[in-house]
Structures are given as C-alpha cells and as structure tokens.
N, C-alpha and C. Protein backbone atom coordinates (compact mmCIF):
# COMPACT_ATOMS: atom_id res chain seq x y z
N MET A 1 -86.97 133.38 -33.86
CA MET A 1 -86.91 132.26 -34.77
C MET A 1 -87.63 132.67 -36.06
N SER A 2 -87.04 132.30 -37.17
CA SER A 2 -87.60 132.72 -38.45
C SER A 2 -88.83 131.90 -38.84
N ASP A 3 -89.65 132.50 -39.65
CA ASP A 3 -90.83 131.80 -40.18
C ASP A 3 -90.41 130.59 -41.01
N GLU A 4 -89.28 130.71 -41.68
CA GLU A 4 -88.79 129.61 -42.51
C GLU A 4 -88.45 128.38 -41.66
N ILE A 5 -87.83 128.59 -40.52
CA ILE A 5 -87.50 127.47 -39.63
C ILE A 5 -88.77 126.82 -39.10
N VAL A 6 -89.72 127.63 -38.67
CA VAL A 6 -90.98 127.09 -38.16
C VAL A 6 -91.72 126.34 -39.26
N SER A 7 -91.72 126.90 -40.46
CA SER A 7 -92.38 126.24 -41.58
C SER A 7 -91.74 124.89 -41.88
N GLU A 8 -90.43 124.84 -41.88
CA GLU A 8 -89.71 123.58 -42.13
C GLU A 8 -90.00 122.56 -41.02
N PHE A 9 -90.04 123.03 -39.77
CA PHE A 9 -90.37 122.15 -38.65
C PHE A 9 -91.77 121.56 -38.83
N LEU A 10 -92.73 122.41 -39.19
CA LEU A 10 -94.10 121.93 -39.37
C LEU A 10 -94.19 120.93 -40.52
N PHE A 11 -93.48 121.19 -41.60
CA PHE A 11 -93.47 120.28 -42.73
C PHE A 11 -92.88 118.92 -42.34
N GLU A 12 -91.71 118.94 -41.70
CA GLU A 12 -91.07 117.69 -41.29
C GLU A 12 -91.90 116.95 -40.25
N SER A 13 -92.49 117.68 -39.34
CA SER A 13 -93.33 117.04 -38.32
C SER A 13 -94.55 116.39 -38.95
N SER A 14 -95.13 117.05 -39.93
CA SER A 14 -96.28 116.49 -40.64
C SER A 14 -95.89 115.18 -41.33
N GLU A 15 -94.72 115.18 -41.97
CA GLU A 15 -94.24 113.94 -42.61
C GLU A 15 -94.03 112.84 -41.57
N ASN A 16 -93.44 113.20 -40.44
CA ASN A 16 -93.20 112.21 -39.39
C ASN A 16 -94.51 111.67 -38.82
N LEU A 17 -95.49 112.55 -38.66
CA LEU A 17 -96.79 112.09 -38.15
C LEU A 17 -97.49 111.18 -39.16
N ASP A 18 -97.33 111.47 -40.44
CA ASP A 18 -97.89 110.58 -41.47
C ASP A 18 -97.21 109.21 -41.39
N LEU A 19 -95.89 109.22 -41.24
CA LEU A 19 -95.14 107.97 -41.09
C LEU A 19 -95.61 107.21 -39.86
N LEU A 20 -95.77 107.92 -38.78
CA LEU A 20 -96.23 107.31 -37.53
C LEU A 20 -97.61 106.70 -37.70
N GLY A 21 -98.50 107.42 -38.35
CA GLY A 21 -99.86 106.91 -38.58
C GLY A 21 -99.85 105.63 -39.39
N GLY A 22 -98.95 105.54 -40.34
CA GLY A 22 -98.85 104.34 -41.17
C GLY A 22 -98.27 103.15 -40.44
N GLU A 23 -97.63 103.38 -39.31
CA GLU A 23 -97.03 102.29 -38.54
C GLU A 23 -97.94 101.77 -37.43
N LEU A 24 -98.90 102.56 -37.01
CA LEU A 24 -99.72 102.16 -35.85
C LEU A 24 -100.67 101.01 -36.16
N VAL A 25 -101.32 101.02 -37.30
CA VAL A 25 -102.26 99.94 -37.65
C VAL A 25 -101.51 98.60 -37.79
N PRO A 26 -100.40 98.57 -38.54
CA PRO A 26 -99.65 97.31 -38.60
C PRO A 26 -99.15 96.84 -37.23
N LEU A 27 -98.78 97.79 -36.36
CA LEU A 27 -98.35 97.40 -35.01
C LEU A 27 -99.50 96.76 -34.24
N GLU A 28 -100.70 97.27 -34.44
CA GLU A 28 -101.86 96.71 -33.76
C GLU A 28 -102.07 95.25 -34.19
N LYS A 29 -101.80 94.96 -35.44
CA LYS A 29 -101.97 93.60 -35.95
C LYS A 29 -100.82 92.69 -35.55
N ASP A 30 -99.65 93.27 -35.27
CA ASP A 30 -98.46 92.49 -34.91
C ASP A 30 -97.74 93.22 -33.77
N PRO A 31 -98.34 93.20 -32.55
CA PRO A 31 -97.82 94.02 -31.45
C PRO A 31 -96.47 93.58 -30.91
N VAL A 32 -95.98 92.43 -31.31
CA VAL A 32 -94.67 91.99 -30.82
C VAL A 32 -93.55 92.33 -31.80
N ASN A 33 -93.85 93.07 -32.86
CA ASN A 33 -92.85 93.44 -33.85
C ASN A 33 -91.96 94.55 -33.26
N LYS A 34 -90.81 94.14 -32.76
CA LYS A 34 -89.92 95.07 -32.07
C LYS A 34 -89.33 96.12 -33.01
N ASP A 35 -89.08 95.76 -34.26
CA ASP A 35 -88.54 96.73 -35.21
C ASP A 35 -89.55 97.85 -35.49
N ARG A 36 -90.80 97.47 -35.65
CA ARG A 36 -91.84 98.48 -35.90
C ARG A 36 -92.01 99.38 -34.68
N LEU A 37 -92.04 98.78 -33.51
CA LEU A 37 -92.18 99.56 -32.28
C LEU A 37 -91.00 100.51 -32.10
N ALA A 38 -89.79 100.03 -32.39
CA ALA A 38 -88.61 100.88 -32.28
C ALA A 38 -88.70 102.05 -33.26
N GLY A 39 -89.21 101.80 -34.46
CA GLY A 39 -89.38 102.86 -35.44
C GLY A 39 -90.37 103.91 -34.98
N ILE A 40 -91.44 103.46 -34.34
CA ILE A 40 -92.44 104.38 -33.80
C ILE A 40 -91.82 105.27 -32.73
N PHE A 41 -91.05 104.66 -31.83
CA PHE A 41 -90.40 105.44 -30.78
C PHE A 41 -89.37 106.40 -31.36
N ARG A 42 -88.64 105.99 -32.40
CA ARG A 42 -87.67 106.88 -33.05
C ARG A 42 -88.38 108.10 -33.65
N THR A 43 -89.52 107.86 -34.28
CA THR A 43 -90.27 108.96 -34.90
C THR A 43 -90.74 109.94 -33.83
N ILE A 44 -91.31 109.42 -32.75
CA ILE A 44 -91.76 110.29 -31.66
C ILE A 44 -90.58 111.05 -31.05
N HIS A 45 -89.47 110.35 -30.86
CA HIS A 45 -88.29 110.97 -30.27
C HIS A 45 -87.74 112.07 -31.18
N THR A 46 -87.80 111.87 -32.48
CA THR A 46 -87.34 112.88 -33.43
C THR A 46 -88.19 114.15 -33.31
N ILE A 47 -89.50 113.98 -33.27
CA ILE A 47 -90.39 115.14 -33.14
C ILE A 47 -90.14 115.85 -31.81
N LYS A 48 -90.06 115.08 -30.74
CA LYS A 48 -89.84 115.64 -29.41
C LYS A 48 -88.49 116.35 -29.33
N GLY A 49 -87.45 115.73 -29.90
CA GLY A 49 -86.13 116.33 -29.86
C GLY A 49 -86.06 117.63 -30.64
N THR A 50 -86.70 117.67 -31.79
CA THR A 50 -86.71 118.88 -32.59
C THR A 50 -87.47 119.98 -31.86
N CYS A 51 -88.56 119.63 -31.21
CA CYS A 51 -89.30 120.61 -30.42
C CYS A 51 -88.40 121.22 -29.34
N GLY A 52 -87.67 120.36 -28.64
CA GLY A 52 -86.78 120.85 -27.60
C GLY A 52 -85.68 121.74 -28.16
N PHE A 53 -85.09 121.33 -29.28
CA PHE A 53 -84.03 122.09 -29.91
C PHE A 53 -84.50 123.48 -30.32
N LEU A 54 -85.73 123.55 -30.79
CA LEU A 54 -86.29 124.83 -31.24
C LEU A 54 -86.93 125.64 -30.10
N GLY A 55 -86.96 125.06 -28.90
CA GLY A 55 -87.52 125.77 -27.77
C GLY A 55 -89.01 125.63 -27.60
N PHE A 56 -89.61 124.69 -28.31
CA PHE A 56 -91.05 124.43 -28.17
C PHE A 56 -91.23 123.42 -27.04
N THR A 57 -91.30 123.89 -25.83
CA THR A 57 -91.30 123.00 -24.68
C THR A 57 -92.67 122.77 -24.05
N LYS A 58 -93.64 123.60 -24.35
CA LYS A 58 -94.96 123.43 -23.75
C LYS A 58 -95.63 122.19 -24.33
N ARG A 59 -96.11 121.34 -23.45
CA ARG A 59 -96.81 120.13 -23.87
C ARG A 59 -98.29 120.30 -23.56
N SER A 60 -99.10 120.13 -24.57
CA SER A 60 -100.53 120.32 -24.35
C SER A 60 -101.31 119.02 -24.46
N ALA A 61 -100.70 117.98 -25.03
CA ALA A 61 -101.40 116.70 -25.15
C ALA A 61 -101.31 115.95 -23.83
N PRO A 62 -102.41 115.37 -23.37
CA PRO A 62 -102.40 114.69 -22.07
C PRO A 62 -101.45 113.50 -22.03
N TRP A 63 -101.14 112.89 -23.17
CA TRP A 63 -100.27 111.72 -23.19
C TRP A 63 -98.80 112.10 -23.33
N SER A 64 -98.50 113.38 -23.57
CA SER A 64 -97.12 113.76 -23.86
C SER A 64 -96.18 113.54 -22.67
N ARG A 65 -96.68 113.60 -21.49
CA ARG A 65 -95.86 113.36 -20.31
C ARG A 65 -95.31 111.94 -20.31
N SER A 66 -96.13 110.96 -20.70
CA SER A 66 -95.70 109.57 -20.67
C SER A 66 -94.67 109.27 -21.75
N VAL A 67 -94.61 110.08 -22.81
CA VAL A 67 -93.65 109.86 -23.89
C VAL A 67 -92.33 110.54 -23.56
N ALA A 68 -92.38 111.55 -22.71
CA ALA A 68 -91.18 112.35 -22.40
C ALA A 68 -90.08 111.54 -21.76
C-alpha cells in the first residue's frame, strides 16, 4: 500500500473524528436525537469500513469490539 493512500486515510479519518467529536456533546444534551445518533454511527461505520477495505483489521481500542 502506498504512503499516499495511508496519508489520505489518516487525513480523512482525522476529519471524521473531528466531526464525531463535534456531535458527541450535543448528543449528550439531547440523547433522543435520532438523526444525530445516526450520523455518529455513519461516521464510525465509515472509518471502520475504510479500515477494512485497506486491510487495517487489528483493533486495539477496548470498545472497538462493541462497535464492530
């Protein structure tokens, strides 16, 4: 896999994590907001799917199993 692909993955993942971070506090204040929760799951699924597509399958975060 090229360095360019890995670099692009890291850049996009960083953007997605920033987006995710911006959604968690508002979700805490309005936990029944289904649209916000769906967006959070879409963001996580995008990161997870890209990892799988690129062959990054090792999970090191203890919570990653529950998201899988």
